[in-house]
Amino acid sequence: MTAPSATQGPASSEPPLPLRVRTAYGASAFGENLAINSINQLANAVFNLTLGVPLLLVGLALSLPRLIDVFLDPFIGSWSDRLVSRWGRRRPFILVGALLCAAVATLIWYFPTGRSVTFYFFWLLGGCALMSVAYSVLIVPYGALGLELVTNYHERTALMGTKSILHKVSGVVNQWLLKWVREAGEGNLIAGGRICAPIIGATIALLGVITVWKVPERPSTAPSKAAPRVSLRDSWTLTLGQPNFRRLVLAQVFIYMSFLVIDTTGFYLNVFYVHGGDMSAGAAMKGWYGMAFQSCGILAVPFIVRLSRRIGKRTTFLWCALSIAVGGVAKWFCYVPGAGWWIVLPSALMGPGLVSAMVLAPSMTADLCDLDAATCGRRREGMFNSVLAWAVKVSVTGSILLANVVLHLVGWKTELLANQAESTFLAMRVCFVGGTVVLAVLAATCIWRYTVTPQDVEDAQRRAAGLA
């Protein structure tokens, strides 16, 4: 048999996964993104600007619960790797996780009125802690299901492309949440949140049910009784002991941070610097530039899938990471008073960079799972995805905390709103641009050092099948 080229990928007789199955799998990507970001998108506007909770406390409430994931994600991943049930290994977790996420995303906005700032801080902290647990139960087995759903080298990328499109569609919805909540409550964010929350919760639950109902698990991935048992500690050590996986995880973390660590800064610049404190205009523009970011990401998915077939996953990932740096530079010229629609340009340039991480990182992780299975004799997609999911969640919430800390350090004073010192706005702009560029370059550096080839994956698949 002739070996495939470096970009062609391993050959496989496995038929392509039907679009209806790929779409049903991607449905929960829409739901999980809505669950976590419905809180992240509204927390500052509701708890800081409306209820008066200090910016640093809001950041702590959003980020501290992620410490739960340090312990819970590997446990959930290992548990789902070993679970034996009539419904499969992953789907019971996905169903329970989706229902829990739906409940938390709804109830967190039904806080009592007229309480102290301290009370609202602990309410947000408790809600985020509950969401952290629910999200772990959902996202770790859900990601593992995708890693093992197909074995073909390039079909993996196609599956993650479909998932990413639905994830990005959810991202479009998230960008308009602030405006919709304001309109639903006729300018009152608290009343609007209580009107919109049940709709958000019902959507999350329904999409989770669709995935559980319509996506089968591969029978061949069930744990073998003859396979050696790997303890949680050993599995964690084996997973992080792989240099290429560490590089992939770090690249994904840096890409997420490249826009998230300064996302809050961008929102405050948009409302109070570009639009002079006009919350209505700023919320509308947030919706437009957010939609540009997500839409350009969606449009880039087919291009990224095809390009990865032509020049390889690693090279495609590298160029997409560098495109984020270009968008970062554009922010300096576009986030200025009176910028108008130019504020949309940086988001449009950065959209494909993020989606490359969402499409290619899971596809490349599935390749690494094949290499791991050929070594240890057991499928451990749950553990690999738990590390990947944990890294993403830490980067997301850590970025939120860091962004609020940055705002505090540059001298932001909530009571001054649009009347901040010029030096404060200048420092915010420097962080907004420099953070994006530096982190994008760090991500590109990690991907540059990634060394797994398609031939490595095919050899591993043959060894795992006993055909070497």
Foldseek 3Di string as FASTA:
>chain_A
DDADDQLQFDDDPDDFDDPLLLLLLLLLLLLLLLLLLLCVLCQCVPLCVPVNQALLLSLCLQAVLLVVLVPLQLVLLLQLLQDDDPLHSQLVLQLQLLLQSLVLLQCLLVDDPDDHSVVNSVSSSVSNNSNSNSSSSNQLSSLLQLLQQDQGLLSSLVSLLSSLLSNLVSLLVSLLSVVQLCVCVVNDNSNSSNVCSNVSSVSSNVSSVSNSPRHGGDPVQRWDPPADDDDSVRLLCVLVVDLLLVLLLLLLLLLLLLQQLLVVLVLLLQQQFQVVNPVNVSSVVSSVLSNLLSVLLSVCSVVLSVVCSVPNLLVSLLVLLQLLLVLLVQLLVQSHHPSPPSNSVSSNSNNNNNSSSSSRSSSVLSLVQLLVCLPRVHRSSSSSSSSSVSSSSNSNSVSSSSSSVQLVVLPDDSVCRNNDDPSSNVSSSCCSRVSNNVSSVSSSVSSVPNDDTSSSSVVSNCSSVVND
